[in-house]
Amino acid sequence: MPGTASKRALLCTVTALFWFAQYVYIPFLTPYLLSLSITATVTGVIIGAYGVTQMLLRIPLGLALDIHRQHKLVIIAGVLLAGLSSLGMLLFPSPGMLILSNALSGVASSAWISFAILYTSYYESSQSTKAVGIINVFFQGGILLAFLAGGLLVSRFGIQMLFKASFAAGLLGGLLALFIPHESATRGTNVNVTGLIKVIHDRRVLTFSLMSGMAWFVIFATVFSFSTSTAKTLGASGPQLGIFSMLYSIGTIAGAWFISTRAGHAMGEMKPLIVGFLILALYCVSIGFAPNLHIFYTAQLLCGFGKGLLMACGMAFAIKHVDPEKRSTAMGCYQSIYCIGITGGPVVMGLLIDHGGRMTAFCSVAVIALLCAIAMYFLYRSGFLSPGNNSGYPRSRS
């Protein structure tokens, strides 16, 4: 049997390939869809389809994984589906098939539950925050490599080559995943609907899920959809779009890594969440009023850092006080709920752009991010998010 270090390295490699396959074409997808004479609203629906299947699958998948613990099988299926979804986009570029293919990509991303839970199982429970930070670094590292490759390839070969690269990465990742050791013979738990309801009623799981959903709402409304089309309108080339996405990804890696450091721990829970949402609000205003491309370089980097803070904190804090035998269910709830934001962000943004214009749309999303920062402040100050305080009433602050 391979040692712990080897298991960690293998799973991190598969993680990077998985997210490479999912994101290599993303910065160029919205401009590509708009070039097919698809409206902003329909483009938002195509992008949002990625979140719909995740929203539907992640809770039942998390529940099933707590019972059967088949993380390896789910990882293999997820990586292969990531490649197949891009093949569908390559071969069938019609609106209906693009919606179906991106929905299949969402099915693939549902496997992230198993990546996160299996990787944290390679660490002591006291190091769960560190483990989440590390796996998020490889998550974002795969995306960074995807953006780098996409920027280099798209201007010379077109987006069709990016779909092919995604398929190849998915196939390679699936083959490597075959070598992931089977989980140790830990007993499954008799998780049922009652147990699921109890997990959902955990106010920390619910709050951090909703918080992450709002963060993803902002990101998918902007970075992964209409920020790139805005940059394209301002004259950005394919390589420039790749650079902007790389800067965002570098910032995200830095944010996720920062949370795993002593300085990140010293900030506690409230401060990084508030800072993250304030950064997202500033980003939306900056892009909405951008007169040229220069502001994108700094804005993308800062936005990535804010998102890295929010995602690493949200995932770690949501499951931090959940019993180990229920963590897959909790992770499924967390990821299913935040997919509401992934689905809604591009759809709402598309509608706002079609009916109110770019500036109105970006400013509206900025207000949402600002309200989230304010909400997190008051939720912590009231004691609502104190560990173990799930009675339904705020705990007084001593």
Protein backbone atom coordinates (compact mmCIF):
# COMPACT_ATOMS: atom_id res chain seq x y z
CA MET A 1 0.00 0.00 0.00
CA PRO A 2 1.34 3.49 -0.82
CA GLY A 3 2.28 5.78 2.04
CA THR A 4 0.28 8.82 3.09
CA ALA A 5 2.52 11.23 1.19
CA SER A 6 2.09 9.23 -2.04
CA LYS A 7 -1.68 9.11 -1.62
CA ARG A 8 -1.79 12.86 -1.08
CA ALA A 9 0.39 13.53 -4.12
CA LEU A 10 -1.68 11.28 -6.40
CA LEU A 11 -4.99 12.78 -5.34
CA CYS A 12 -3.59 16.31 -5.72
CA THR A 13 -2.44 15.46 -9.27
CA VAL A 14 -5.85 14.06 -10.21
CA THR A 15 -7.46 17.14 -8.65
CA ALA A 16 -5.38 19.47 -10.82
CA LEU A 17 -6.21 17.51 -14.00
CA PHE A 18 -9.90 17.40 -13.09
CA TRP A 19 -10.19 21.16 -12.71
CA PHE A 20 -7.99 21.74 -15.76
CA ALA A 21 -10.54 19.78 -17.79
CA GLN A 22 -13.40 21.79 -16.30
CA TYR A 23 -11.94 25.27 -16.79
CA VAL A 24 -9.57 25.37 -19.78
CA TYR A 25 -12.28 26.85 -22.04
CA ILE A 26 -14.23 28.87 -19.44
CA PRO A 27 -12.66 32.34 -20.02
CA PHE A 28 -13.51 32.07 -23.70
CA LEU A 29 -16.92 30.40 -23.46
CA THR A 30 -19.11 33.49 -23.04
CA PRO A 31 -17.52 35.44 -25.95
CA TYR A 32 -17.81 32.23 -28.02
CA LEU A 33 -21.50 31.85 -27.20
CA LEU A 34 -22.22 35.51 -27.97
CA SER A 35 -20.39 35.09 -31.29
CA LEU A 36 -22.96 32.41 -32.16
CA SER A 37 -25.65 35.16 -31.95
CA ILE A 38 -26.94 33.77 -28.66
CA THR A 39 -28.45 36.47 -26.40
CA ALA A 40 -26.94 37.37 -23.04
CA THR A 41 -29.93 35.82 -21.27
CA VAL A 42 -29.61 32.47 -23.08
CA THR A 43 -25.85 32.60 -22.58
CA GLY A 44 -26.53 32.98 -18.86
CA VAL A 45 -28.81 29.94 -18.97
CA ILE A 46 -26.10 27.87 -20.68
CA ILE A 47 -23.51 28.91 -18.09
CA GLY A 48 -26.01 28.43 -15.25
CA ALA A 49 -26.83 24.88 -16.35
CA TYR A 50 -23.49 23.94 -14.79
CA GLY A 51 -24.93 24.70 -11.36
CA VAL A 52 -28.37 23.11 -11.82
CA THR A 53 -27.18 19.50 -11.89
CA GLN A 54 -24.83 20.10 -8.97
CA MET A 55 -27.65 21.60 -6.95
CA LEU A 56 -29.77 18.50 -7.58
CA LEU A 57 -27.05 15.87 -7.09
CA ARG A 58 -24.78 16.94 -4.28
CA ILE A 59 -27.07 16.31 -1.31
CA PRO A 60 -28.11 12.78 -2.37
CA LEU A 61 -24.52 12.04 -3.42
CA GLY A 62 -23.18 13.21 -0.06
CA LEU A 63 -25.80 11.09 1.71
CA ALA A 64 -24.89 8.02 -0.36
CA LEU A 65 -21.18 8.54 0.28
CA ASP A 66 -21.69 8.67 4.04
CA ILE A 67 -23.35 5.26 3.74
CA HIS A 68 -21.17 3.52 1.14
CA ARG A 69 -17.85 5.46 1.17
CA GLN A 70 -17.12 4.89 -2.53
CA HIS A 71 -15.04 8.03 -3.01
CA LYS A 72 -12.63 6.46 -5.51
CA LEU A 73 -15.43 5.40 -7.84
CA VAL A 74 -17.03 8.84 -7.71
CA ILE A 75 -13.68 10.53 -8.46
CA ILE A 76 -13.04 8.32 -11.50
CA ALA A 77 -16.53 8.97 -12.86
CA GLY A 78 -16.28 12.70 -12.23
CA VAL A 79 -12.96 13.15 -14.03
CA LEU A 80 -14.11 11.15 -17.05
CA LEU A 81 -17.39 13.07 -17.26
CA ALA A 82 -15.46 16.36 -17.20
CA GLY A 83 -13.75 15.29 -20.42
CA LEU A 84 -16.92 13.96 -22.04
CA SER A 85 -18.85 17.17 -21.39
CA SER A 86 -16.29 19.22 -23.33
CA LEU A 87 -16.44 16.69 -26.16
CA GLY A 88 -20.18 17.36 -26.34
CA MET A 89 -19.55 21.12 -26.63
CA LEU A 90 -17.06 20.47 -29.42
CA LEU A 91 -19.28 18.18 -31.48
CA PHE A 92 -22.73 19.75 -30.91
CA PRO A 93 -22.52 23.60 -30.74
CA SER A 94 -26.27 24.26 -30.66
CA PRO A 95 -27.94 26.07 -27.71
CA GLY A 96 -29.80 22.97 -26.53
CA MET A 97 -26.78 20.69 -26.69
CA LEU A 98 -24.56 23.34 -25.10
CA ILE A 99 -26.98 23.51 -22.17
CA LEU A 100 -26.93 19.70 -21.90
CA SER A 101 -23.13 19.51 -22.14
CA ASN A 102 -22.59 22.19 -19.50
CA ALA A 103 -25.14 20.43 -17.29
CA LEU A 104 -23.05 17.25 -17.68
CA SER A 105 -20.02 19.26 -16.61
CA GLY A 106 -21.99 20.11 -13.48
CA VAL A 107 -22.58 16.39 -12.87
CA ALA A 108 -18.81 15.96 -13.04
CA SER A 109 -18.19 18.77 -10.55
CA SER A 110 -20.50 17.06 -8.07
CA ALA A 111 -17.62 14.64 -7.53
CA TRP A 112 -15.72 17.42 -5.71
CA ILE A 113 -17.36 16.12 -2.53
CA SER A 114 -15.26 12.98 -2.75
CA PHE A 115 -12.04 14.83 -3.57
CA ALA A 116 -12.45 17.06 -0.50
CA ILE A 117 -13.55 14.35 1.93
CA LEU A 118 -10.99 11.77 0.80
CA TYR A 119 -8.13 14.25 0.96
CA THR A 120 -9.03 15.48 4.45
CA SER A 121 -9.13 11.82 5.55
CA TYR A 122 -5.37 11.71 4.91
CA TYR A 123 -4.89 14.17 7.81
CA GLU A 124 -5.70 14.25 11.51
CA SER A 125 -9.01 15.95 12.28
CA SER A 126 -7.15 18.79 14.01
CA GLN A 127 -5.53 19.59 10.64
CA SER A 128 -8.75 19.70 8.61
CA THR A 129 -8.45 23.42 7.88
CA LYS A 130 -4.88 22.91 6.64
CA ALA A 131 -5.99 19.98 4.46
CA VAL A 132 -8.81 22.02 2.94
CA GLY A 133 -6.38 24.85 2.23
CA ILE A 134 -3.94 22.49 0.48
CA ILE A 135 -6.51 20.71 -1.69
CA ASN A 136 -7.93 24.12 -2.66
CA VAL A 137 -4.45 25.18 -3.76
CA PHE A 138 -4.36 22.22 -6.20
CA PHE A 139 -7.96 22.93 -7.19
CA GLN A 140 -6.92 26.46 -8.12
CA GLY A 141 -3.57 25.27 -9.48
CA GLY A 142 -5.37 23.13 -12.04
CA ILE A 143 -7.49 26.11 -13.01
CA LEU A 144 -4.39 28.30 -13.29
CA LEU A 145 -2.74 25.80 -15.65
CA ALA A 146 -6.00 25.67 -17.61
CA PHE A 147 -6.08 29.42 -18.04
CA LEU A 148 -2.42 29.50 -19.06
CA ALA A 149 -2.90 26.77 -21.67
CA GLY A 150 -6.16 28.29 -22.87
CA GLY A 151 -4.60 31.70 -23.42
CA LEU A 152 -1.73 30.18 -25.40
CA LEU A 153 -3.88 27.87 -27.52
CA VAL A 154 -7.04 29.83 -28.26
CA SER A 155 -5.59 32.58 -30.44
CA ARG A 156 -3.78 30.08 -32.66
CA PHE A 157 -6.18 27.13 -32.79
CA GLY A 158 -9.55 28.48 -31.60
CA ILE A 159 -11.80 27.37 -28.77
CA GLN A 160 -12.31 23.96 -30.41
CA MET A 161 -8.74 23.07 -29.41
CA LEU A 162 -9.58 23.93 -25.81
CA PHE A 163 -12.47 21.47 -25.84
CA LYS A 164 -10.03 18.83 -27.12
CA ALA A 165 -7.50 19.68 -24.39
CA SER A 166 -10.25 19.34 -21.79
CA PHE A 167 -11.18 15.91 -23.10
CA ALA A 168 -7.52 14.78 -23.01
CA ALA A 169 -7.06 16.03 -19.42
CA GLY A 170 -10.23 14.25 -18.31
CA LEU A 171 -9.09 11.01 -19.88
CA LEU A 172 -5.62 11.22 -18.30
CA GLY A 173 -7.05 12.14 -14.91
CA GLY A 174 -9.47 9.22 -15.06
CA LEU A 175 -6.63 6.79 -15.80
CA LEU A 176 -4.54 8.12 -12.89
CA ALA A 177 -7.54 7.95 -10.57
CA LEU A 178 -7.60 4.18 -11.09
CA PHE A 179 -4.45 4.04 -8.92
CA ILE A 180 -6.02 5.83 -5.95
CA PRO A 181 -6.04 3.29 -3.08
CA HIS A 182 -9.42 2.03 -1.98
CA GLU A 183 -10.59 3.57 1.26
CA SER A 184 -9.85 1.66 4.41
CA ALA A 185 -12.66 -0.58 5.56
CA THR A 186 -14.36 2.01 7.72
CA ARG A 187 -17.96 1.26 8.40
CA GLY A 188 -20.59 3.33 6.72
CA THR A 189 -23.15 5.03 8.83
CA ASN A 190 -26.89 4.53 8.80
CA VAL A 191 -27.55 8.06 7.61
CA ASN A 192 -31.21 8.67 6.85
CA VAL A 193 -33.56 11.53 6.11
CA THR A 194 -33.70 12.45 9.81
CA GLY A 195 -29.91 12.67 9.91
CA LEU A 196 -29.93 14.76 6.75
CA ILE A 197 -32.44 17.20 8.23
CA LYS A 198 -30.30 17.47 11.36
CA VAL A 199 -27.25 18.35 9.28
CA ILE A 200 -29.20 20.96 7.28
CA HIS A 201 -30.53 22.45 10.52
CA ASP A 202 -26.97 23.02 11.72
CA ARG A 203 -26.90 26.78 11.44
CA ARG A 204 -23.19 26.89 10.66
CA VAL A 205 -23.57 24.44 7.76
CA LEU A 206 -26.55 26.38 6.45
CA THR A 207 -25.06 29.86 6.93
CA PHE A 208 -21.69 29.09 5.38
CA SER A 209 -23.43 27.27 2.51
CA LEU A 210 -25.55 30.33 1.78
CA MET A 211 -22.54 32.60 2.20
CA SER A 212 -20.57 30.55 -0.32
CA GLY A 213 -23.59 30.55 -2.61
CA MET A 214 -23.59 34.34 -2.66
CA ALA A 215 -19.84 34.38 -3.34
CA TRP A 216 -20.31 31.99 -6.26
CA PHE A 217 -23.27 34.10 -7.44
CA VAL A 218 -20.93 37.08 -7.77
CA ILE A 219 -18.10 35.06 -9.35
CA PHE A 220 -20.28 33.33 -11.95
CA ALA A 221 -22.10 36.57 -12.72
CA THR A 222 -18.79 38.27 -13.45
CA VAL A 223 -15.46 36.42 -13.63
CA PHE A 224 -16.72 33.21 -15.25
CA SER A 225 -19.16 34.83 -17.63
CA PHE A 226 -19.61 38.54 -18.32
CA SER A 227 -16.26 39.97 -17.16
CA THR A 228 -14.63 38.20 -20.09
CA SER A 229 -17.20 39.47 -22.58
CA THR A 230 -16.71 42.99 -21.14
CA ALA A 231 -12.95 42.68 -21.64
CA LYS A 232 -13.57 41.41 -25.19
CA THR A 233 -15.73 44.48 -25.88
CA LEU A 234 -12.87 46.70 -24.69
CA GLY A 235 -10.54 45.04 -27.17
CA ALA A 236 -8.98 42.14 -25.24
CA SER A 237 -7.27 39.45 -27.33
CA GLY A 238 -7.37 35.72 -26.59
CA PRO A 239 -4.00 35.75 -24.77
CA GLN A 240 -5.10 38.77 -22.73
CA LEU A 241 -8.25 36.96 -21.62
CA GLY A 242 -6.01 34.09 -20.58
CA ILE A 243 -3.76 36.45 -18.60
CA PHE A 244 -6.74 38.02 -16.83
CA SER A 245 -8.02 34.58 -15.85
CA MET A 246 -4.53 33.53 -14.72
CA LEU A 247 -4.26 36.58 -12.47
CA TYR A 248 -7.63 35.73 -10.95
CA SER A 249 -6.50 32.16 -10.37
CA ILE A 250 -3.17 33.24 -8.84
CA GLY A 251 -5.09 35.47 -6.45
CA THR A 252 -7.40 32.60 -5.54
CA ILE A 253 -4.46 30.30 -4.80
CA ALA A 254 -2.93 33.02 -2.63
CA GLY A 255 -6.20 33.46 -0.73
CA ALA A 256 -6.66 29.72 -0.14
CA TRP A 257 -3.01 29.37 0.92
CA PHE A 258 -3.24 32.37 3.24
CA ILE A 259 -6.07 30.73 5.20
CA SER A 260 -3.82 27.72 5.92
CA THR A 261 -1.09 29.93 7.43
CA ARG A 262 -0.68 31.20 10.99
CA ALA A 263 -1.61 34.69 9.87
CA GLY A 264 -4.82 33.34 8.37
CA HIS A 265 -5.68 31.47 11.56
CA ALA A 266 -4.98 34.59 13.61
CA MET A 267 -7.70 36.49 11.73
CA GLY A 268 -10.36 34.19 13.16
CA GLU A 269 -13.55 33.44 11.27
CA MET A 270 -15.30 36.77 10.80
CA LYS A 271 -12.57 39.01 9.36
CA PRO A 272 -11.58 36.98 6.26
CA LEU A 273 -15.24 36.56 5.30
CA ILE A 274 -15.96 40.28 5.54
CA VAL A 275 -12.75 41.19 3.71
CA GLY A 276 -13.56 38.66 0.97
CA PHE A 277 -17.00 40.12 0.25
CA LEU A 278 -15.71 43.70 0.34
CA ILE A 279 -13.09 42.77 -2.25
CA LEU A 280 -15.77 41.23 -4.49
CA ALA A 281 -17.90 44.38 -4.22
CA LEU A 282 -14.92 46.57 -5.17
CA TYR A 283 -14.16 44.27 -8.09
CA CYS A 284 -17.67 44.53 -9.53
CA VAL A 285 -17.62 48.33 -9.42
CA SER A 286 -14.15 48.40 -11.00
CA ILE A 287 -15.12 46.18 -13.93
CA GLY A 288 -18.50 47.85 -14.41
CA PHE A 289 -16.90 51.27 -14.87
CA ALA A 290 -13.65 50.11 -16.52
CA PRO A 291 -12.80 52.54 -19.36
CA ASN A 292 -10.03 50.30 -20.68
CA LEU A 293 -8.26 47.01 -20.01
CA HIS A 294 -5.61 48.31 -17.61
CA ILE A 295 -7.78 47.96 -14.50
CA PHE A 296 -8.43 44.28 -15.24
CA TYR A 297 -4.88 43.28 -14.29
CA THR A 298 -5.16 44.46 -10.68
CA ALA A 299 -8.88 43.79 -10.33
CA GLN A 300 -8.66 40.14 -11.38
CA LEU A 301 -5.82 39.46 -8.93
CA LEU A 302 -7.63 41.07 -6.00
CA CYS A 303 -10.91 39.38 -6.88
CA GLY A 304 -9.18 36.01 -6.87
CA PHE A 305 -7.70 36.66 -3.43
CA GLY A 306 -11.12 37.56 -2.05
CA LYS A 307 -12.71 34.49 -3.57
CA GLY A 308 -9.89 32.30 -2.22
CA LEU A 309 -10.56 33.58 1.29
CA LEU A 310 -14.30 32.97 1.01
CA MET A 311 -14.14 29.48 -0.51
CA ALA A 312 -11.46 28.08 1.80
CA CYS A 313 -13.18 29.55 4.87
CA GLY A 314 -16.66 28.52 3.79
CA MET A 315 -15.73 24.89 3.21
CA ALA A 316 -13.60 24.57 6.36
CA PHE A 317 -16.04 26.36 8.69
CA ALA A 318 -19.12 24.55 7.36
CA ILE A 319 -17.86 21.07 8.32
CA LYS A 320 -15.55 22.06 11.19
CA HIS A 321 -17.91 20.98 13.98
CA VAL A 322 -19.79 18.23 12.11
CA ASP A 323 -19.34 14.63 13.28
CA PRO A 324 -16.86 12.80 10.98
CA GLU A 325 -19.41 10.17 9.94
CA LYS A 326 -21.74 12.90 8.66
CA ARG A 327 -19.21 15.08 6.86
CA SER A 328 -19.97 13.81 3.35
CA THR A 329 -23.64 14.65 3.94
CA ALA A 330 -22.67 18.06 5.30
CA MET A 331 -20.34 18.64 2.36
CA GLY A 332 -23.11 17.60 -0.03
CA CYS A 333 -25.51 20.07 1.60
CA TYR A 334 -22.87 22.79 1.54
CA GLN A 335 -22.00 22.30 -2.12
CA SER A 336 -25.61 21.79 -3.23
CA ILE A 337 -26.75 25.02 -1.59
CA TYR A 338 -23.91 27.12 -2.96
CA CYS A 339 -24.75 25.84 -6.45
CA ILE A 340 -27.84 28.04 -6.27
CA GLY A 341 -25.41 30.92 -6.71
CA ILE A 342 -23.58 29.20 -9.57
CA THR A 343 -26.91 28.73 -11.35
CA GLY A 344 -28.46 32.08 -10.57
CA GLY A 345 -25.45 34.37 -11.04
CA PRO A 346 -25.05 34.20 -14.83
CA VAL A 347 -28.80 34.04 -15.45
CA VAL A 348 -29.53 37.15 -13.37
CA MET A 349 -26.52 38.95 -14.83
CA GLY A 350 -27.64 38.15 -18.37
CA LEU A 351 -31.11 39.54 -17.68
CA LEU A 352 -29.67 42.69 -16.08
CA ILE A 353 -27.36 43.29 -19.05
CA ASP A 354 -30.12 42.74 -21.61
CA HIS A 355 -32.53 45.08 -19.81
CA GLY A 356 -30.38 47.56 -17.89
CA GLY A 357 -26.92 47.63 -19.40
CA ARG A 358 -23.45 46.62 -18.23
CA MET A 359 -22.90 49.26 -15.55
CA THR A 360 -26.28 48.67 -13.91
CA ALA A 361 -25.65 44.92 -13.85
CA PHE A 362 -22.18 45.13 -12.31
CA CYS A 363 -23.25 47.73 -9.72
CA SER A 364 -26.24 45.60 -8.71
CA VAL A 365 -23.97 42.61 -8.06
CA ALA A 366 -21.58 44.89 -6.12
CA VAL A 367 -24.43 45.89 -3.80
CA ILE A 368 -25.21 42.20 -3.18
CA ALA A 369 -21.58 41.53 -2.20
CA LEU A 370 -21.55 44.56 0.12
CA LEU A 371 -24.76 43.43 1.83
CA CYS A 372 -23.19 40.00 2.39
CA ALA A 373 -20.21 41.60 4.15
CA ILE A 374 -22.56 43.56 6.42
CA ALA A 375 -24.64 40.44 7.12
CA MET A 376 -21.58 38.41 8.16
CA TYR A 377 -20.55 41.13 10.60
CA PHE A 378 -23.92 41.17 12.36
CA LEU A 379 -24.26 37.37 12.38
CA TYR A 380 -20.97 37.04 14.24
CA ARG A 381 -21.57 39.97 16.56
CA SER A 382 -24.92 38.50 17.60
CA GLY A 383 -23.38 35.12 18.46
CA PHE A 384 -25.53 33.43 15.83
CA LEU A 385 -22.54 31.50 14.46
CA SER A 386 -20.99 30.47 17.77
CA PRO A 387 -19.93 26.78 17.60
CA GLY A 388 -22.60 24.51 19.03
CA ASN A 389 -25.23 27.25 19.09
CA ASN A 390 -27.91 25.51 17.02
CA SER A 391 -30.91 25.98 19.26
CA GLY A 392 -32.52 28.50 16.96
CA TYR A 393 -31.80 31.47 19.19
CA PRO A 394 -28.77 33.75 19.23
CA ARG A 395 -26.35 33.21 22.07
CA SER A 396 -25.60 36.22 24.22
CA ARG A 397 -22.08 37.53 24.03
CA SER A 398 -20.27 37.50 27.34
